[in-house]
Protein backbone atom coordinates (compact mmCIF):
# COMPACT_ATOMS: atom_id res chain seq x y z
CA MET A 1 91.58 64.70 19.46
CA ARG A 2 94.05 63.59 22.13
CA LYS A 3 97.43 62.67 20.65
CA ILE A 4 100.13 60.70 22.47
CA GLY A 5 103.69 59.81 21.57
CA PHE A 6 105.28 56.42 22.17
CA ILE A 7 109.07 55.94 22.27
CA PRO A 8 110.06 52.30 22.97
CA LEU A 9 113.57 51.78 24.33
CA ARG A 10 115.29 48.51 25.23
CA LYS A 11 118.18 48.17 27.64
CA GLY A 12 119.83 45.45 25.60
CA SER A 13 121.44 46.25 22.27
CA LYS A 14 123.83 43.86 20.56
CA GLY A 15 124.90 46.02 17.62
CA ILE A 16 125.85 49.05 19.75
CA PRO A 17 125.83 48.27 23.50
CA GLY A 18 123.86 50.86 25.46
CA LYS A 19 122.85 52.49 22.19
CA ASN A 20 119.89 54.49 23.46
CA LYS A 21 122.01 56.12 26.19
CA LYS A 22 125.14 56.58 24.08
CA LYS A 23 125.82 60.24 23.38
CA LEU A 24 125.23 61.45 19.84
CA LEU A 25 126.64 64.98 19.48
CA GLY A 26 126.84 65.11 23.26
CA ARG A 27 123.30 64.02 24.19
CA PRO A 28 121.77 60.56 24.63
CA LEU A 29 120.48 59.18 21.35
CA PHE A 30 116.84 58.95 22.44
CA CYS A 31 116.80 62.63 23.44
CA TRP A 32 116.86 63.74 19.81
CA ALA A 33 113.45 62.19 19.13
CA LEU A 34 112.11 63.08 22.57
CA GLY A 35 113.05 66.75 22.29
CA GLU A 36 111.25 67.11 18.97
CA ALA A 37 108.23 65.25 20.30
CA ILE A 38 107.96 67.74 23.17
CA ALA A 39 107.98 70.61 20.65
CA SER A 40 105.25 68.97 18.53
CA GLN A 41 101.44 68.81 18.76
CA LEU A 42 101.61 65.67 20.89
CA ASP A 43 99.84 66.08 24.22
CA THR A 44 101.87 63.48 26.12
CA ILE A 45 104.99 61.48 25.25
CA TYR A 46 105.61 58.12 26.91
CA ILE A 47 109.09 56.63 27.27
CA PHE A 48 108.45 52.87 27.37
CA THR A 49 111.58 51.12 28.63
CA ASP A 50 113.06 48.41 30.81
CA ASP A 51 116.09 50.59 31.59
CA ASP A 52 115.93 52.16 35.07
CA ASP A 53 118.81 54.50 34.22
CA ILE A 54 116.80 56.03 31.38
CA ILE A 55 113.75 56.43 33.63
CA THR A 56 115.87 58.23 36.23
CA PHE A 57 117.47 60.41 33.55
CA VAL A 58 114.10 61.44 32.09
CA HIS A 59 112.66 62.36 35.49
CA LYS A 60 115.70 64.51 36.26
CA GLU A 61 116.29 66.17 32.90
CA TYR A 62 112.68 66.74 31.79
CA HIS A 63 111.10 67.82 35.07
CA TRP A 64 110.36 71.17 33.44
CA THR A 65 107.58 69.75 31.25
CA ASP A 66 104.46 67.77 32.13
CA LYS A 67 104.33 66.27 28.63
CA VAL A 68 106.84 63.49 29.31
CA LYS A 69 106.04 60.32 31.27
CA THR A 70 107.80 56.99 31.71
CA ILE A 71 106.38 53.47 31.84
CA LYS A 72 108.37 50.37 32.77
CA ARG A 73 108.00 47.74 30.07
CA SER A 74 107.95 44.02 30.79
CA GLU A 75 110.93 41.74 30.22
CA GLU A 76 108.92 39.81 27.61
CA SER A 77 108.40 42.88 25.42
CA ALA A 78 112.06 43.93 25.73
CA THR A 79 113.75 40.83 24.30
CA ASP A 80 115.51 40.67 20.93
CA ALA A 81 112.70 38.50 19.62
CA ALA A 82 109.89 40.86 20.68
CA SER A 83 108.43 43.04 17.92
CA THR A 84 107.68 46.74 18.23
CA GLU A 85 104.00 45.88 17.82
CA MET A 86 104.21 43.61 20.86
CA GLY A 87 105.49 46.54 22.89
CA MET A 88 102.81 48.83 21.49
CA LEU A 89 100.08 46.36 22.41
CA GLU A 90 101.40 46.05 25.95
CA PHE A 91 101.59 49.83 26.24
CA VAL A 92 98.14 50.55 24.80
CA ASN A 93 96.42 47.84 26.82
CA GLY A 94 98.01 49.07 30.03
CA LEU A 95 97.28 52.76 29.51
CA GLU A 96 94.26 53.98 31.45
CA GLU A 97 93.87 57.49 30.01
CA PRO A 98 91.86 57.80 26.78
CA PHE A 99 93.46 58.96 23.54
CA ASP A 100 92.60 59.09 19.84
CA ILE A 101 95.96 59.04 18.05
CA VAL A 102 99.23 57.31 18.88
CA CYS A 103 102.57 58.31 17.34
CA LEU A 104 105.39 55.76 17.33
CA LEU A 105 108.81 57.43 17.28
CA GLN A 106 112.03 55.48 16.78
CA ALA A 107 115.02 56.62 18.82
CA THR A 108 117.33 55.26 16.10
CA SER A 109 116.12 58.02 13.77
CA PRO A 110 117.60 61.22 15.25
CA PHE A 111 116.71 63.33 12.20
CA THR A 112 112.99 63.43 13.01
CA THR A 113 111.73 66.96 13.68
CA SER A 114 108.57 68.34 15.25
CA VAL A 115 107.56 69.44 11.74
CA ASP A 116 107.66 65.82 10.53
CA ILE A 117 105.66 64.63 13.54
CA ASN A 118 103.04 67.33 13.07
CA ALA A 119 102.78 66.58 9.34
CA CYS A 120 101.94 62.93 10.07
CA ILE A 121 99.39 63.94 12.71
CA ASP A 122 97.80 66.47 10.36
CA LYS A 123 97.38 63.81 7.67
CA VAL A 124 95.46 61.54 10.04
CA GLN A 125 93.22 64.21 11.52
CA SER A 126 92.76 66.18 8.29
CA GLY A 127 89.37 64.71 7.50
CA ALA A 128 90.72 63.02 4.37
CA ASN A 129 89.87 59.56 5.76
CA TYR A 130 93.45 58.56 6.53
CA ASP A 131 93.77 55.98 9.30
CA SER A 132 97.57 56.11 9.49
CA ALA A 133 100.60 58.00 8.24
CA LEU A 134 104.32 57.24 8.06
CA THR A 135 107.48 59.07 7.07
CA VAL A 136 109.30 58.16 3.87
CA VAL A 137 112.23 59.35 1.78
CA ASN A 138 112.11 59.90 -1.97
CA THR A 139 115.31 58.34 -3.24
CA HIS A 140 116.48 58.46 -6.84
CA ARG A 141 118.19 55.09 -6.70
CA PHE A 142 117.71 52.37 -9.30
CA THR A 143 116.68 49.08 -7.71
CA TRP A 144 117.03 45.51 -8.97
CA TYR A 145 115.68 42.02 -8.49
CA GLU A 146 118.09 39.19 -7.68
CA ASP A 147 117.52 37.66 -11.12
CA GLY A 148 119.22 40.67 -12.74
CA THR A 149 116.13 42.56 -13.90
CA PRO A 150 115.49 46.18 -12.89
CA LYS A 151 112.57 47.05 -10.62
CA ASN A 152 111.94 50.69 -11.37
CA TYR A 153 113.52 51.72 -14.69
CA ASP A 154 114.35 50.66 -18.21
CA VAL A 155 118.09 49.94 -18.66
CA PHE A 156 117.85 50.96 -22.33
CA ASN A 157 116.16 54.23 -21.46
CA ARG A 158 117.97 55.40 -18.34
CA PRO A 159 116.18 58.55 -17.10
CA ARG A 160 117.99 61.69 -16.03
CA ARG A 161 117.74 62.41 -12.31
CA GLN A 162 115.57 65.48 -12.88
CA ASP A 163 113.15 63.40 -14.96
CA PHE A 164 113.02 60.42 -12.59
CA GLU A 165 110.21 60.36 -10.03
CA GLY A 166 112.24 58.15 -7.76
CA LEU A 167 111.14 55.65 -5.18
CA LEU A 168 109.51 56.20 -1.78
CA ILE A 169 111.32 54.27 0.96
CA GLU A 170 110.15 53.90 4.55
CA ASN A 171 112.76 55.53 6.81
CA GLY A 172 111.53 54.08 10.11
CA ALA A 173 111.26 57.44 11.86
CA CYS A 174 107.62 58.24 12.61
CA TYR A 175 104.35 56.30 12.44
CA VAL A 176 100.96 57.73 13.37
CA THR A 177 97.68 55.82 13.61
CA THR A 178 94.27 56.16 15.15
CA ILE A 179 93.73 53.98 18.18
CA SER A 180 90.70 52.38 16.54
CA ALA A 181 92.78 51.30 13.53
CA PHE A 182 95.52 49.98 15.78
CA ARG A 183 93.17 47.96 17.97
CA GLU A 184 91.63 46.40 14.87
CA SER A 185 94.85 45.61 12.99
CA LYS A 186 97.32 45.38 15.90
CA ASN A 187 99.83 47.01 13.55
CA ARG A 188 101.57 50.40 13.66
CA ILE A 189 99.96 51.43 10.36
CA SER A 190 96.84 50.10 8.67
CA GLY A 191 93.75 51.09 6.73
CA ASN A 192 94.08 54.11 4.47
CA ILE A 193 97.74 55.13 4.82
CA ALA A 194 99.29 58.54 4.03
CA THR A 195 102.97 59.29 3.46
CA VAL A 196 105.03 62.25 4.66
CA GLN A 197 108.36 62.89 2.97
CA MET A 198 111.51 63.65 4.96
CA PRO A 199 114.95 64.70 3.64
CA GLU A 200 117.15 61.98 2.17
CA ASP A 201 119.68 62.09 5.01
CA SER A 202 116.95 60.81 7.35
CA LEU A 203 117.23 57.43 5.63
CA THR A 204 120.24 56.76 7.89
CA GLU A 205 119.09 54.61 10.81
CA ILE A 206 121.52 53.77 13.57
CA ASP A 207 122.13 50.04 13.83
CA THR A 208 125.95 49.87 13.59
CA LEU A 209 128.90 52.01 14.64
CA THR A 210 129.37 53.00 11.00
CA ASP A 211 125.77 54.27 10.96
CA TRP A 212 126.53 56.16 14.16
CA LYS A 213 129.50 58.00 12.67
CA ILE A 214 127.56 58.90 9.53
CA ALA A 215 124.54 60.10 11.50
CA GLU A 216 126.69 62.25 13.80
CA GLU A 217 128.33 64.02 10.87
CA LEU A 218 125.01 64.54 9.08
CA LEU A 219 123.35 65.83 12.24
CA ALA A 220 126.20 68.23 12.94
CA ALA A 221 126.00 69.52 9.36
CA ARG A 222 122.23 70.02 9.67
CA LEU A 223 122.62 72.09 12.85
CA LYS A 224 125.43 74.17 11.39
CA ALA A 225 123.40 74.88 8.25
CA LYS A 226 120.93 76.86 10.40
CA LYS A 227 123.58 79.34 11.53
CA GLN A 228 122.90 82.97 10.65
CA SER A 229 124.67 86.25 11.32
CA ASN A 230 122.88 88.29 13.97
CA ARG A 231 123.81 90.40 16.94
CA ILE A 232 124.92 88.30 19.91
CA THR A 233 122.54 89.00 22.80
CA HIS A 234 123.41 86.06 25.06
CA LEU A 235 126.66 84.32 25.98
CA ILE A 236 126.26 80.85 27.48
CA LEU A 237 129.22 79.10 29.07
CA ASP A 238 130.12 75.68 30.36
CA VAL A 239 132.13 75.68 33.62
CA ASP A 240 134.67 72.86 33.96
CA GLY A 241 137.22 73.24 31.20
CA VAL A 242 135.95 76.75 30.36
CA PHE A 243 135.88 78.81 33.57
CA THR A 244 138.26 76.32 35.19
CA ASP A 245 141.28 74.36 34.03
CA GLY A 246 139.22 71.17 34.19
CA CYS A 247 140.82 70.01 37.44
CA ILE A 248 138.84 69.36 40.62
CA TYR A 249 140.52 69.32 44.01
CA TYR A 250 138.96 66.79 46.39
CA GLY A 251 139.32 66.29 50.11
CA ALA A 252 137.78 63.82 52.56
CA GLU A 253 134.53 65.82 52.55
CA GLY A 254 134.30 66.09 48.77
CA GLU A 255 135.05 68.93 46.37
CA LEU A 256 137.29 71.58 47.89
CA MET A 257 138.24 74.06 45.19
CA LYS A 258 138.45 74.95 41.52
CA LYS A 259 140.74 77.38 39.72
CA PHE A 260 139.16 80.47 38.12
CA ASP A 261 140.76 83.39 36.25
CA MET A 262 140.01 86.93 37.46
CA ARG A 263 140.47 88.28 33.91
CA ASP A 264 137.55 86.15 32.77
CA GLY A 265 135.33 87.69 35.42
CA MET A 266 136.27 91.19 34.31
CA GLY A 267 135.62 90.27 30.68
CA LEU A 268 132.09 89.12 31.53
CA GLU A 269 131.44 92.29 33.54
CA ILE A 270 132.51 94.44 30.57
CA LEU A 271 130.45 92.31 28.17
CA ARG A 272 127.30 92.91 30.21
CA GLN A 273 127.90 96.64 29.89
CA TYR A 274 127.38 96.09 26.18
CA ASN A 275 123.94 94.54 26.89
CA VAL A 276 124.96 90.93 26.38
CA GLU A 277 123.36 88.63 28.95
CA VAL A 278 125.54 85.92 30.48
CA MET A 279 124.33 82.43 31.42
CA VAL A 280 126.06 79.35 32.77
CA MET A 281 125.17 75.75 31.93
CA THR A 282 127.05 72.86 33.54
CA SER A 283 126.53 69.15 34.03
CA GLU A 284 128.02 69.36 37.53
CA ASP A 285 126.16 70.40 40.67
CA SER A 286 128.81 72.24 42.63
CA GLN A 287 128.58 74.61 45.57
CA VAL A 288 131.97 76.02 44.57
CA VAL A 289 130.53 76.94 41.16
CA ALA A 290 127.38 78.39 42.73
CA SER A 291 129.51 80.61 44.99
CA ARG A 292 131.70 81.81 42.11
CA MET A 293 128.71 82.65 39.88
CA LYS A 294 127.07 84.54 42.73
CA LYS A 295 130.28 86.53 43.10
CA LEU A 296 130.20 87.29 39.37
CA LYS A 297 126.50 88.31 39.68
CA ILE A 298 125.41 85.79 37.05
CA LYS A 299 121.76 85.07 37.76
CA ASP A 300 121.01 82.41 35.16
CA VAL A 301 123.03 79.45 36.43
CA PHE A 302 121.84 75.98 35.38
CA MET A 303 123.63 73.16 37.18
CA GLY A 304 123.33 69.38 36.93
CA VAL A 305 122.29 69.61 33.26
CA LYS A 306 123.06 66.45 31.26
CA ASP A 307 121.07 67.30 28.12
CA LYS A 308 122.39 70.78 27.37
CA TYR A 309 120.86 71.03 23.90
CA SER A 310 117.38 70.47 25.30
CA LEU A 311 117.91 73.27 27.83
CA LEU A 312 119.35 75.62 25.21
CA SER A 313 116.38 74.96 22.92
CA ARG A 314 113.99 75.72 25.77
CA ILE A 315 115.80 78.96 26.61
CA VAL A 316 115.62 80.07 22.98
CA THR A 317 111.89 79.27 22.78
CA ASP A 318 110.85 80.66 26.17
CA ARG A 319 112.75 83.93 25.71
CA GLY A 320 111.82 84.51 22.09
CA LEU A 321 115.40 84.26 20.87
CA SER A 322 117.07 82.74 17.86
CA PHE A 323 120.06 80.40 17.99
CA SER A 324 121.82 83.06 15.93
CA ASN A 325 121.64 85.41 18.96
CA ILE A 326 123.56 82.90 21.07
CA ALA A 327 127.31 82.61 21.62
CA TYR A 328 128.40 79.42 23.35
CA ILE A 329 131.70 78.35 24.93
CA GLY A 330 132.29 74.65 25.60
CA ASP A 331 135.17 72.24 25.76
CA ASP A 332 133.96 68.63 25.66
CA VAL A 333 131.52 66.26 23.96
CA ASN A 334 128.49 67.13 26.11
CA ASP A 335 128.71 70.63 24.59
CA MET A 336 128.80 69.31 21.03
CA ALA A 337 125.22 69.98 19.89
CA ASN A 338 125.25 73.49 21.35
CA ILE A 339 128.60 74.18 19.69
CA CYS A 340 127.11 73.17 16.34
CA VAL A 341 123.87 75.15 16.62
CA ALA A 342 124.91 78.42 18.33
CA GLY A 343 125.31 81.50 16.17
CA TRP A 344 128.94 81.72 17.31
CA SER A 345 130.74 78.92 19.12
CA PHE A 346 134.07 79.14 20.92
CA THR A 347 136.35 76.62 22.57
CA PRO A 348 139.52 77.10 24.65
CA ALA A 349 142.90 76.19 23.18
CA ASN A 350 143.11 73.15 25.48
CA ALA A 351 139.65 71.78 24.63
CA THR A 352 139.10 68.25 23.34
CA MET A 353 139.73 67.63 19.65
CA PRO A 354 136.10 66.67 18.77
CA ILE A 355 134.97 70.09 19.97
CA LYS A 356 137.78 71.86 18.12
CA ASN A 357 136.65 70.14 14.94
CA HIS A 358 133.22 71.82 15.19
CA ALA A 359 133.75 75.16 16.95
CA ASP A 360 133.68 78.38 14.93
CA VAL A 361 136.58 79.86 16.88
CA ILE A 362 139.41 78.03 18.66
CA LEU A 363 140.61 80.56 21.20
CA LYS A 364 144.33 81.23 21.64
CA ASN A 365 144.13 81.01 25.43
CA ASN A 366 143.55 77.94 27.58
CA SER A 367 140.66 77.61 30.00
CA ALA A 368 141.22 79.44 33.32
CA GLU A 369 143.96 81.39 31.52
CA GLY A 370 141.96 84.14 29.81
CA ALA A 371 139.96 82.16 27.23
CA ILE A 372 136.65 83.68 28.34
CA ARG A 373 138.11 87.19 28.30
CA GLU A 374 139.32 86.59 24.75
CA ALA A 375 135.83 85.44 23.67
CA CYS A 376 134.23 88.50 25.32
CA ASP A 377 136.54 90.82 23.38
CA PHE A 378 135.62 89.00 20.16
CA ILE A 379 131.87 89.37 20.81
CA ILE A 380 132.16 93.09 21.61
CA LYS A 381 134.03 93.73 18.35
CA TYR A 382 131.66 91.51 16.38
CA ASN A 383 128.57 93.26 17.73
CA ASN A 384 129.92 96.65 16.62
CA ARG A 385 128.64 95.93 13.11
CA TYR A 386 125.06 95.95 14.47
CA GLU A 387 125.35 99.22 16.39
């Protein structure tokens, strides 16, 4: 059965302007759902949007996979009054390639994982006669009617939490349906519907700035909870604000120079002698950086990367690594997700405060003043326990 993903995104957002492009833990909000969709069973994922900036971003950042495509949605389906089903109908009716299952993913639910997506798909194609599936959360909250009567418990026999079955609540994250059921009902779920439970923190949808702050803290905590102690095999570094002091010197013809520290270069050379591979990941596309990395004999240099977490995840998967094998050095918000997920994360003494709040180690030295050398010495000593 051919399975496609559908992520609808609107340019306009009144609650949080530019919400879908706003960076959550350093990456655009919609990338959290998209990244997990790529890692799932879905054959193709369509970004359906009226935002040309998002289309350009997707083509640049996800060129490495043929699973992601973009479709420009009409103005009519992108208004505040337009329903998600209206967008789905426009998308389905305009799609020429055949498919059997469509998965609606909401960008405002960044806690969705490939496991959740696959679980919904498995329910529908399991042979158990399910036409649709959706994600829910089992919450142990007591609910009430407006007239002052309880909905789901007896006030004179209040159950203990461990004895209370709770209540399943739709979390708005993932909906899967067969195309035949959708064409008949014109609704995201219909017919015989299955439920897939997600963790309770996934009940947080992002509609307000308060939601945003809560989701960012919860997401950071979830990434950090995966940290494990293993030998560091790879060190990945940002450039500006890590290798350099964060300053760029411009002339009439563009970028002229950056400041680097020779001690950092020696530290990386020594680190490689201890069989730790070194990689560089930067959002800038700089010939100065390319020349410096060539001088340092660093082969894996990724430049112009805006979604660093997506690239790090791909490196881990393609090379058979674990995040616990990775050490990461970053200094600003676009490094945030990688700082949270890496086995060991470092940040220079002059890094931004949001990064300092999440890094495992705040180095004593500033960037371009020996911070990298200090991190290299730490990794060498740390790895001694695995020798």
